[in-house]
Protein backbone atom coordinates (compact mmCIF):
# COMPACT_ATOMS: atom_id res chain seq x y z
CA MET A 1 118.24 -73.22 71.83
CA GLU A 2 118.76 -76.26 74.43
CA HIS A 3 121.87 -78.56 73.53
CA ALA A 4 120.95 -82.08 72.66
CA ASP A 5 122.81 -83.53 74.98
CA ASP A 6 121.51 -81.43 77.83
CA SER A 7 119.29 -84.38 79.47
CA ILE A 8 118.57 -85.65 83.14
CA THR A 9 121.67 -88.10 82.62
CA GLU A 10 123.69 -86.45 79.73
CA GLY A 11 125.21 -83.33 79.13
CA GLY A 12 125.11 -80.44 81.42
CA LEU A 13 122.78 -80.33 84.70
CA VAL A 14 121.32 -76.50 84.81
CA ARG A 15 118.84 -77.25 81.49
CA PRO A 16 117.34 -80.64 82.43
CA MET A 17 117.12 -79.30 86.41
CA PHE A 18 115.04 -76.43 84.88
CA ARG A 19 112.80 -78.43 82.68
CA LEU A 20 112.53 -80.60 85.53
CA ALA A 21 111.66 -78.16 88.46
CA TRP A 22 109.74 -75.46 86.44
CA PRO A 23 106.36 -77.20 85.89
CA ILE A 24 106.74 -78.82 89.52
CA VAL A 25 106.48 -75.31 90.88
CA VAL A 26 103.86 -74.59 88.82
CA ILE A 27 101.91 -77.65 90.16
CA GLN A 28 102.59 -76.81 93.58
CA LEU A 29 101.32 -73.36 93.03
CA LEU A 30 98.33 -74.90 91.39
CA GLN A 31 98.02 -77.36 94.39
CA VAL A 32 98.52 -73.79 96.95
CA THR A 33 95.49 -72.15 94.11
CA TYR A 34 93.02 -74.91 95.85
CA ASN A 35 94.26 -73.74 99.62
CA ILE A 36 94.13 -70.20 98.61
CA ALA A 37 90.85 -69.93 97.03
CA ASP A 38 88.91 -71.91 99.94
CA THR A 39 90.98 -69.52 102.44
CA PHE A 40 90.48 -66.68 100.46
CA TRP A 41 86.42 -67.48 99.91
CA LEU A 42 85.79 -68.65 103.46
CA GLY A 43 87.56 -65.72 105.07
CA ARG A 44 84.67 -63.56 103.43
CA LEU A 45 82.42 -66.60 104.87
CA SER A 46 83.73 -65.21 108.63
CA ALA A 47 86.78 -65.79 110.56
CA ASP A 48 85.57 -69.04 112.18
CA ALA A 49 85.43 -70.91 108.92
CA VAL A 50 89.05 -70.35 108.21
CA GLY A 51 90.02 -71.32 111.86
CA ALA A 52 88.13 -74.46 110.64
CA ILE A 53 90.14 -75.48 107.87
CA SER A 54 92.86 -74.66 110.21
CA LEU A 55 92.11 -77.42 112.58
CA ALA A 56 90.77 -79.87 109.79
CA PHE A 57 94.29 -79.69 107.38
CA PRO A 58 96.55 -81.64 109.74
CA LEU A 59 93.81 -84.20 110.55
CA VAL A 60 93.34 -85.00 106.75
CA PHE A 61 97.04 -84.77 106.12
CA LEU A 62 97.62 -87.72 108.28
CA PHE A 63 95.30 -89.99 106.34
CA ILE A 64 96.98 -88.49 103.19
CA SER A 65 100.28 -89.25 104.38
CA ILE A 66 99.72 -92.92 105.23
CA ALA A 67 99.20 -93.53 101.39
CA GLY A 68 101.27 -90.75 100.47
CA GLY A 69 104.40 -92.48 101.12
CA PHE A 70 103.94 -95.51 98.37
CA THR A 71 103.17 -92.75 95.91
CA THR A 72 107.40 -91.12 96.74
CA ALA A 73 108.31 -95.04 96.15
CA GLY A 74 106.46 -95.17 92.84
CA SER A 75 108.35 -92.39 91.50
CA ILE A 76 111.88 -93.57 92.67
CA LEU A 77 111.29 -96.96 91.37
CA VAL A 78 110.17 -95.61 87.83
CA ALA A 79 112.70 -93.02 87.74
CA GLN A 80 115.87 -95.15 88.50
CA TYR A 81 114.48 -98.09 86.18
CA THR A 82 113.53 -94.93 83.53
CA GLY A 83 117.68 -94.05 84.05
CA ALA A 84 118.37 -97.70 83.54
CA ASP A 85 116.31 -97.75 80.48
CA SER A 86 114.34 -100.49 81.81
CA GLU A 87 111.07 -99.07 80.28
CA GLY A 88 108.92 -102.75 81.11
CA SER A 89 110.54 -102.52 84.79
CA ALA A 90 109.22 -98.99 85.18
CA GLY A 91 105.67 -99.45 83.48
CA LYS A 92 105.14 -103.01 85.99
CA VAL A 93 105.97 -100.56 89.07
CA ALA A 94 103.74 -97.94 87.86
CA GLY A 95 101.07 -100.66 87.67
CA GLN A 96 101.65 -101.80 90.80
CA ILE A 97 101.52 -98.51 92.66
CA LEU A 98 98.32 -97.54 90.97
CA GLY A 99 96.44 -100.80 92.28
CA PHE A 100 98.05 -100.45 95.73
CA VAL A 101 97.02 -97.06 96.39
CA ALA A 102 93.74 -97.28 94.92
CA VAL A 103 92.53 -99.88 97.50
CA LEU A 104 94.49 -98.41 100.23
CA ALA A 105 92.45 -94.89 99.34
CA VAL A 106 89.04 -96.44 99.49
CA ILE A 107 89.96 -98.07 102.71
CA LEU A 108 91.68 -94.71 104.21
CA GLY A 109 88.86 -92.91 103.46
CA GLY A 110 86.39 -95.10 105.66
CA LEU A 111 88.22 -95.18 108.32
CA GLY A 112 88.69 -91.31 108.11
CA TYR A 113 84.86 -90.18 107.65
CA PHE A 114 83.93 -92.67 110.82
CA ALA A 115 87.16 -91.05 112.89
CA THR A 116 86.22 -87.82 112.26
CA GLU A 117 84.38 -86.85 115.44
CA PRO A 118 86.62 -88.75 117.88
CA MET A 119 89.98 -86.98 116.39
CA LEU A 120 88.38 -83.05 116.78
CA SER A 121 86.84 -84.00 120.27
CA ALA A 122 90.15 -85.02 121.23
CA LEU A 123 91.96 -81.74 120.40
CA PRO A 124 92.13 -79.70 123.56
CA SER A 125 90.66 -76.05 123.00
CA GLN A 126 88.93 -72.97 124.77
CA GLY A 127 85.21 -72.67 124.67
CA ASP A 128 84.79 -70.61 121.69
CA THR A 129 87.12 -72.54 119.67
CA ALA A 130 85.25 -75.76 120.56
CA ALA A 131 81.49 -74.28 120.24
CA GLN A 132 82.45 -71.94 116.84
CA VAL A 133 85.08 -73.50 115.12
CA ILE A 134 85.42 -77.96 115.90
CA PRO A 135 81.56 -78.53 114.16
CA MET A 136 82.53 -76.60 110.81
CA ALA A 137 86.04 -78.87 110.70
CA ALA A 138 83.82 -81.84 111.24
CA ASP A 139 81.46 -80.98 108.06
CA TYR A 140 84.70 -80.10 105.71
CA MET A 141 86.34 -83.27 106.86
CA GLU A 142 83.45 -86.04 106.29
CA VAL A 143 82.68 -84.59 103.02
CA PHE A 144 86.85 -84.72 102.23
CA PHE A 145 86.97 -87.97 103.43
CA LEU A 146 84.50 -89.57 101.09
CA GLY A 147 85.99 -88.12 98.22
CA LEU A 148 89.69 -89.18 99.39
CA PRO A 149 90.31 -91.69 96.26
CA PHE A 150 89.76 -89.11 94.17
CA LEU A 151 92.47 -86.94 94.92
CA PHE A 152 95.12 -89.80 95.22
CA GLY A 153 94.52 -90.51 91.75
CA PHE A 154 96.29 -87.56 90.47
CA PHE A 155 98.81 -87.85 93.13
CA VAL A 156 99.85 -91.12 91.83
CA PHE A 157 100.12 -90.19 88.42
CA SER A 158 102.00 -87.18 89.34
CA ALA A 159 104.35 -88.96 91.22
CA LEU A 160 105.21 -91.59 88.66
CA MET A 161 105.62 -89.06 85.75
CA ARG A 162 108.05 -86.94 87.45
CA GLY A 163 109.96 -90.20 88.01
CA TYR A 164 109.50 -90.58 84.52
CA GLY A 165 110.85 -87.54 83.82
CA ASN A 166 107.78 -85.89 82.26
CA THR A 167 106.37 -83.03 84.94
CA ARG A 168 104.93 -81.12 82.21
CA THR A 169 101.68 -83.30 81.60
CA PRO A 170 100.89 -83.48 85.01
CA MET A 171 101.25 -79.28 85.31
CA ARG A 172 98.75 -79.13 82.35
CA VAL A 173 96.14 -81.54 84.11
CA MET A 174 96.71 -79.48 87.45
CA LEU A 175 95.85 -76.38 85.62
CA VAL A 176 92.15 -78.04 84.64
CA SER A 177 91.71 -79.01 87.75
CA VAL A 178 92.58 -75.54 89.53
CA ALA A 179 90.52 -73.54 87.01
CA ILE A 180 87.39 -75.91 87.78
CA ASN A 181 87.66 -75.53 91.41
CA VAL A 182 88.41 -71.77 91.20
CA VAL A 183 85.00 -71.51 89.46
CA ILE A 184 82.38 -73.94 91.19
CA ASP A 185 84.48 -72.78 94.56
CA PRO A 186 82.29 -69.84 95.80
CA ALA A 187 79.34 -71.09 94.03
CA LEU A 188 78.83 -73.75 96.20
CA ILE A 189 80.45 -71.85 99.49
CA PHE A 190 77.76 -68.89 99.04
CA GLY A 191 74.93 -70.67 96.67
CA TRP A 192 75.62 -68.66 93.69
CA GLY A 193 73.45 -69.65 90.63
CA PRO A 194 71.63 -72.93 90.86
CA PHE A 195 73.84 -74.18 93.72
CA PRO A 196 72.67 -74.00 97.04
CA ALA A 197 74.33 -72.23 99.92
CA MET A 198 76.78 -75.28 101.11
CA GLY A 199 79.53 -73.12 103.43
CA ILE A 200 82.34 -75.16 104.63
CA GLU A 201 81.15 -78.20 103.23
CA GLY A 202 81.02 -76.25 99.44
CA ALA A 203 84.72 -75.87 99.90
CA ALA A 204 85.40 -79.66 100.48
CA LEU A 205 83.02 -80.42 97.87
CA ALA A 206 84.48 -78.38 95.14
CA THR A 207 88.19 -79.33 95.70
CA ILE A 208 86.97 -83.44 95.12
CA PHE A 209 85.46 -82.34 92.34
CA SER A 210 88.04 -80.76 90.79
CA ARG A 211 90.21 -83.22 92.03
CA ALA A 212 88.16 -86.03 90.36
CA ILE A 213 88.54 -84.54 87.21
CA ALA A 214 92.34 -84.37 87.47
CA SER A 215 92.24 -87.98 88.16
CA VAL A 216 89.98 -89.15 85.30
CA LEU A 217 92.80 -87.00 82.75
CA GLY A 218 95.84 -88.85 84.25
CA PHE A 219 94.63 -92.11 83.96
CA TYR A 220 93.71 -91.36 80.17
CA VAL A 221 97.66 -89.83 80.03
CA LEU A 222 98.85 -93.05 81.34
CA PHE A 223 96.19 -95.59 79.99
CA VAL A 224 95.25 -94.05 76.67
CA ALA A 225 97.52 -91.69 75.19
CA ARG A 226 100.52 -93.40 76.69
CA ALA A 227 102.80 -90.47 77.58
CA GLY A 228 104.12 -91.77 80.15
CA PRO A 229 105.51 -95.44 81.97
CA ASP A 230 104.30 -98.19 79.74
CA VAL A 231 101.51 -99.40 82.39
CA GLN A 232 99.33 -102.12 81.18
CA VAL A 233 95.83 -102.98 82.47
CA GLY A 234 97.61 -106.30 83.26
CA TYR A 235 100.04 -104.94 85.85
CA LEU A 236 97.34 -103.88 88.09
CA VAL A 237 97.51 -107.35 89.53
CA PRO A 238 99.54 -107.53 92.80
CA ASP A 239 102.59 -108.85 91.80
CA LEU A 240 105.20 -109.53 95.08
CA SER A 241 108.39 -109.39 93.70
CA TYR A 242 107.30 -105.51 92.85
CA ILE A 243 105.11 -105.17 96.88
CA ARG A 244 108.07 -106.36 98.68
CA ASP A 245 110.20 -102.97 96.95
CA ILE A 246 107.33 -100.87 96.87
CA VAL A 247 106.86 -101.41 100.84
CA ARG A 248 110.67 -101.06 101.75
CA ILE A 249 111.08 -97.88 100.10
CA GLY A 250 107.34 -96.45 100.98
CA VAL A 251 107.27 -97.71 104.40
CA PRO A 252 109.84 -94.95 105.79
CA SER A 253 108.36 -92.24 103.64
CA THR A 254 104.75 -93.12 104.77
CA VAL A 255 106.40 -92.86 108.58
CA GLU A 256 108.01 -89.91 107.67
CA GLN A 257 104.75 -87.94 105.99
CA SER A 258 102.35 -89.73 108.76
CA MET A 259 104.69 -88.21 111.45
CA SER A 260 104.51 -84.91 110.07
CA ALA A 261 101.15 -84.94 109.88
CA LEU A 262 101.08 -85.96 113.64
CA ALA A 263 103.50 -82.79 114.40
CA MET A 264 101.34 -80.95 112.64
CA ILE A 265 98.08 -82.47 114.82
CA THR A 266 100.65 -81.76 118.15
CA LEU A 267 100.91 -78.13 116.72
CA THR A 268 97.64 -77.48 116.24
CA ALA A 269 96.57 -79.17 119.69
CA ILE A 270 98.79 -76.38 121.50
CA VAL A 271 97.39 -74.16 119.12
CA VAL A 272 94.00 -74.12 119.84
CA GLN A 273 94.50 -73.40 123.53
CA PHE A 274 94.83 -69.89 122.23
CA ALA A 275 91.99 -67.66 121.05
CA PRO A 276 89.92 -67.73 117.64
CA PRO A 277 92.48 -65.31 116.06
CA VAL A 278 95.59 -66.98 116.67
CA VAL A 279 94.16 -70.22 115.71
CA SER A 280 93.03 -68.47 112.20
CA ALA A 281 96.04 -66.67 111.81
CA TYR A 282 97.98 -69.94 112.56
CA GLY A 283 96.36 -71.69 109.44
CA LEU A 284 96.49 -68.61 107.52
CA GLY A 285 100.36 -67.99 108.09
CA ASN A 286 100.91 -71.89 107.29
CA ARG A 287 98.94 -71.68 104.07
CA LEU A 288 100.94 -68.33 103.08
CA ALA A 289 104.71 -70.08 103.89
CA SER A 290 103.29 -72.95 101.57
CA LEU A 291 102.96 -70.57 99.03
CA VAL A 292 106.31 -69.36 99.38
CA PHE A 293 108.20 -72.92 100.16
CA LEU A 294 107.02 -73.51 96.44
CA PRO A 295 110.60 -72.73 94.81
CA ALA A 296 112.45 -75.06 97.31
CA MET A 297 109.68 -77.76 96.88
CA GLY A 298 110.13 -77.71 93.65
CA LEU A 299 113.64 -78.48 93.24
CA GLY A 300 113.61 -80.87 96.10
CA ARG A 301 111.61 -83.24 93.78
CA ALA A 302 113.42 -82.05 90.74
CA THR A 303 116.28 -83.55 92.61
CA ASN A 304 114.32 -86.74 93.43
CA THR A 305 114.19 -87.27 89.30
CA MET A 306 117.74 -86.05 88.77
CA VAL A 307 119.14 -88.56 91.85
CA GLY A 308 116.68 -91.48 90.82
CA GLN A 309 117.38 -90.95 87.26
CA ASN A 310 121.33 -90.95 87.17
CA LEU A 311 121.88 -93.37 89.76
CA GLY A 312 120.05 -96.14 87.58
CA ALA A 313 121.91 -95.19 84.95
CA ARG A 314 125.11 -95.40 86.90
CA ARG A 315 126.46 -91.47 87.16
CA PRO A 316 126.61 -91.00 91.06
CA ASP A 317 129.12 -88.20 90.49
CA ARG A 318 126.41 -86.62 88.11
CA ALA A 319 123.44 -87.18 90.72
CA GLU A 320 125.84 -85.54 93.63
CA ARG A 321 126.51 -82.11 91.27
CA ALA A 322 123.23 -82.00 90.47
CA VAL A 323 122.08 -82.05 93.96
CA TRP A 324 124.86 -79.13 94.83
CA LEU A 325 123.61 -77.06 92.36
CA ALA A 326 119.57 -77.30 93.26
CA ALA A 327 120.60 -76.32 96.70
CA LYS A 328 122.87 -73.18 95.89
CA VAL A 329 119.34 -71.83 93.42
CA GLY A 330 117.36 -72.46 95.99
CA GLY A 331 118.80 -71.20 98.80
CA ALA A 332 119.74 -67.74 96.77
CA VAL A 333 116.14 -67.77 95.41
CA MET A 334 114.21 -68.35 98.81
CA PHE A 335 116.40 -65.67 100.45
CA ALA A 336 114.94 -62.75 97.93
CA VAL A 337 111.60 -64.06 99.03
CA ALA A 338 112.23 -64.20 102.68
CA VAL A 339 113.68 -60.26 102.49
CA VAL A 340 110.08 -59.27 100.66
CA ALA A 341 107.93 -61.71 103.43
CA ALA A 342 110.09 -59.90 106.00
CA LEU A 343 109.34 -56.49 104.64
CA VAL A 344 105.85 -56.28 103.89
CA PRO A 345 103.75 -58.99 105.68
CA GLU A 346 101.00 -57.10 106.29
CA PRO A 347 99.59 -56.12 102.93
CA ILE A 348 99.94 -59.97 102.28
CA VAL A 349 98.07 -61.18 104.87
CA SER A 350 95.23 -59.14 104.74
CA VAL A 351 94.44 -59.70 100.70
CA PHE A 352 93.06 -63.07 102.11
CA MET A 353 90.72 -61.49 105.76
CA ALA A 354 87.54 -59.50 105.04
CA THR A 355 88.22 -56.52 107.28
CA GLY A 356 85.86 -54.59 109.69
CA THR A 357 85.86 -56.56 112.80
CA ASP A 358 88.13 -57.09 115.47
CA ALA A 359 88.41 -60.53 115.18
CA ALA A 360 90.18 -60.18 111.46
CA ALA A 361 91.94 -57.63 112.64
CA GLN A 362 94.06 -59.39 115.19
CA THR A 363 94.11 -62.33 112.53
CA VAL A 364 96.12 -59.97 110.19
CA ALA A 365 98.58 -58.72 113.23
CA TYR A 366 99.31 -62.41 114.37
CA GLY A 367 99.24 -63.68 110.96
CA SER A 368 101.76 -60.65 109.77
CA GLU A 369 103.94 -61.18 113.37
CA TYR A 370 104.39 -65.11 111.96
CA LEU A 371 104.90 -64.61 108.05
CA ARG A 372 107.75 -61.74 109.44
CA ILE A 373 109.64 -64.49 112.39
CA ARG A 374 109.24 -67.44 109.49
CA SER A 375 110.94 -65.49 106.74
CA VAL A 376 114.51 -66.32 108.51
CA GLU A 377 114.21 -70.05 107.75
CA PHE A 378 113.31 -69.73 103.96
CA THR A 379 117.05 -70.11 102.82
CA PHE A 380 117.61 -73.27 105.33
CA MET A 381 114.18 -74.69 104.05
CA ALA A 382 115.54 -75.10 100.44
CA VAL A 383 118.62 -76.58 101.59
CA LEU A 384 116.27 -79.19 103.51
CA GLN A 385 113.93 -79.84 100.52
CA VAL A 386 116.94 -80.14 98.17
CA MET A 387 118.68 -82.97 100.57
CA LEU A 388 115.69 -84.51 101.22
CA GLY A 389 114.92 -85.45 97.61
CA ALA A 390 118.11 -86.35 96.94
CA TYR A 391 118.13 -89.02 99.69
CA ARG A 392 114.61 -90.39 98.82
CA GLY A 393 116.11 -90.49 95.03
CA ALA A 394 118.72 -92.55 95.70
CA GLY A 395 116.02 -94.95 97.31
CA ASN A 396 117.29 -93.69 101.09
CA THR A 397 113.99 -93.08 102.08
CA ARG A 398 115.01 -94.16 106.07
CA THR A 399 117.24 -91.10 105.89
CA ALA A 400 114.84 -88.93 104.39
CA MET A 401 112.94 -89.54 107.79
CA VAL A 402 115.35 -89.39 110.33
CA PHE A 403 116.16 -85.78 109.29
CA SER A 404 112.35 -84.92 108.50
CA MET A 405 111.68 -86.18 112.15
CA LEU A 406 114.79 -84.55 113.20
CA ALA A 407 113.23 -81.26 111.90
CA LEU A 408 109.70 -81.67 113.41
CA TRP A 409 110.33 -83.62 116.73
CA ILE A 410 113.61 -82.26 117.80
CA GLY A 411 113.50 -79.06 116.23
CA ARG A 412 109.77 -77.15 116.19
CA VAL A 413 106.89 -78.96 118.20
CA PRO A 414 109.62 -79.03 121.85
CA ALA A 415 110.45 -75.41 120.56
CA VAL A 416 106.71 -74.45 120.17
CA TYR A 417 105.39 -75.50 123.42
CA GLY A 418 108.62 -74.58 125.25
CA LEU A 419 108.77 -71.13 124.25
CA ALA A 420 104.92 -70.68 124.20
CA PHE A 421 104.13 -71.76 127.35
CA VAL A 422 107.41 -72.54 129.31
CA ALA A 423 109.03 -69.29 128.45
CA ASP A 424 105.44 -67.65 127.98
CA TRP A 425 106.04 -65.82 125.04
CA GLY A 426 102.91 -66.78 123.71
CA PRO A 427 102.07 -66.69 120.20
CA THR A 428 105.07 -65.21 119.43
CA GLY A 429 106.80 -68.23 120.83
CA ILE A 430 104.66 -70.57 118.32
CA TRP A 431 105.80 -68.13 115.54
CA VAL A 432 109.52 -68.86 116.65
CA GLY A 433 109.27 -72.19 117.21
CA MET A 434 107.97 -73.08 113.71
CA ALA A 435 111.09 -71.55 112.38
CA LEU A 436 113.58 -73.21 114.11
CA GLY A 437 112.80 -76.99 113.12
CA ASN A 438 114.18 -76.59 109.06
CA VAL A 439 117.31 -74.23 109.83
CA LEU A 440 118.41 -77.34 112.78
CA GLY A 441 116.72 -79.92 109.63
CA ALA A 442 118.58 -78.15 107.12
CA ILE A 443 122.25 -77.87 108.97
CA ALA A 444 122.25 -81.80 110.04
CA ALA A 445 120.87 -83.89 106.07
CA ALA A 446 123.72 -81.28 104.31
CA LEU A 447 126.30 -81.99 106.73
CA TRP A 448 125.47 -85.91 106.53
CA PHE A 449 125.19 -86.01 102.50
CA THR A 450 128.81 -84.93 102.33
CA ARG A 451 129.63 -88.12 103.63
CA GLY A 452 128.68 -89.88 100.46
CA THR A 453 127.28 -92.98 101.48
CA TRP A 454 123.18 -92.09 99.66
CA LYS A 455 124.98 -93.38 96.57
CA ASP A 456 123.89 -96.92 96.35
CA VAL A 457 121.15 -98.10 94.01
CA VAL A 458 118.04 -100.33 94.82
CA ILE A 459 116.65 -101.60 92.02
CA ASP A 460 117.74 -105.32 90.64
CA GLU A 461 120.57 -104.64 88.76
CA GLU A 462 119.78 -108.39 86.69
CA GLU A 463 115.91 -106.95 85.82
CA ALA A 464 116.98 -103.63 84.62
CA GLU A 465 119.92 -105.26 82.62
CA THR A 466 116.96 -107.07 80.93
CA ALA A 467 115.04 -104.13 79.32
CA PRO A 468 113.95 -104.64 75.85
CA ALA A 469 116.58 -103.99 73.16
CA ASP A 470 114.26 -101.23 72.01
CA ALA A 471 113.06 -99.57 74.88
CA PRO A 472 112.95 -95.83 74.36
CA ASP A 473 115.90 -93.55 76.24
CA VAL A 474 113.13 -91.42 77.44
CA SER A 475 116.13 -89.62 79.58
CA ASP A 476 116.78 -87.60 75.68
CA ALA A 477 113.64 -86.55 75.24
CA PRO A 478 112.14 -83.17 76.37
CA ASP A 479 109.18 -83.51 79.31
CA GLY A 480 105.77 -84.05 77.51
CA ALA A 481 106.65 -84.85 73.80
CA ASP A 482 104.29 -86.70 73.10
CA ALA A 483 101.67 -85.80 75.88
CA PRO A 484 98.49 -84.51 74.65
CA GLU A 485 96.86 -81.64 75.94
CA PRO A 486 94.70 -82.33 79.14
CA SER A 487 91.65 -80.85 76.81
CA GLU A 488 92.05 -83.87 74.93
CA GLY A 489 91.33 -86.59 77.46
CA LYS A 490 87.72 -84.94 78.56
């Protein structure tokens, strides 16, 4: 039985870290399920359809990342105010984030829709890729951008609840959303039942619809069930004193995520110069890698909350111990996953491709080599994600940005180009270059962490000290204790 004193800011570290991390891992697993469902069914539609979403995703992610940095700021500020027992300030900053990102999402969705054709036409590609893959990518992106605000509803809700220390409720909401997506995805792609066959546009529409359901449930939890930060409708009105903190912390995260998206676009521009099976293998391998990285991502986000709340509670030594614990556990888990990926990559890749064509066989061969080579970086990926989570939780989003950029723009992008073209390794050079970035970033981020310069708090101490006397100590409450089941929000 769990010890009563084992909370985020008190007692042992293992239990609260595990309580935070496992629902995040499940959320990430469910997130990947969206992508896997698309890949699985589109792989049975055609190899070109898989290549199309490989092209579309980095461009879509660029627009998502612009607003995504501000959801990170919300998680950081909510965590630190919650750790300082300033419930009112946590709710106020949550409301400010919701309003800020809602406006931004509408603007970005419109811009993305009209920029789809120019962005895709700017990508260099071979004749077959341009003729077969790019038009399908355009169809997917236009539908996706029209529904972009619905995606951000859940992203913001999940980030705010994570900072608050409640990761189970977003997990339940995500489960409902994924279940809907899995059911309607093939129906819209192939035209099952009363639905017309929409092909790749059907995959985009299924994702948007299921995300909209998740957003509605998330808002119910925040505004009706009140199972997270104390958000009032009046808190949605812009308040410059909070907006300044959101912008100061959020802009580096936005730059980091945007530069990550630009790196993905640059890498895609390199990859599309190869034949369609290489493009498809690259997209398929990335989606499988995102599945493999789930434990590392979960621990990284849990570290964000652990560090944020403990620094808010003025317990920096406990925050540091939590970081090293997460790095050790994450590294060990990812090493075990790497062994499996290195030994049996082909059966894993084959699940997601239809058989019987030369293009499918080539995609499986390239994808298997990709997964085997990238397994070398898995342990380093865990360490890097934990360190980045620690810097973000402390509000050092500029530091996290620097190390993320180091991994991508110093380690990965030049290595992929140099090995694929200068060294003339071809597709193998792409796979090897992809693995090098996280190795370099993890080593640098861990060494810098030992300096201890990340321990300053970013919230206003005077404001935190003026919290109502009866503000609840949420750090001692089990995750989701007061949260309704998602079905109650329908």
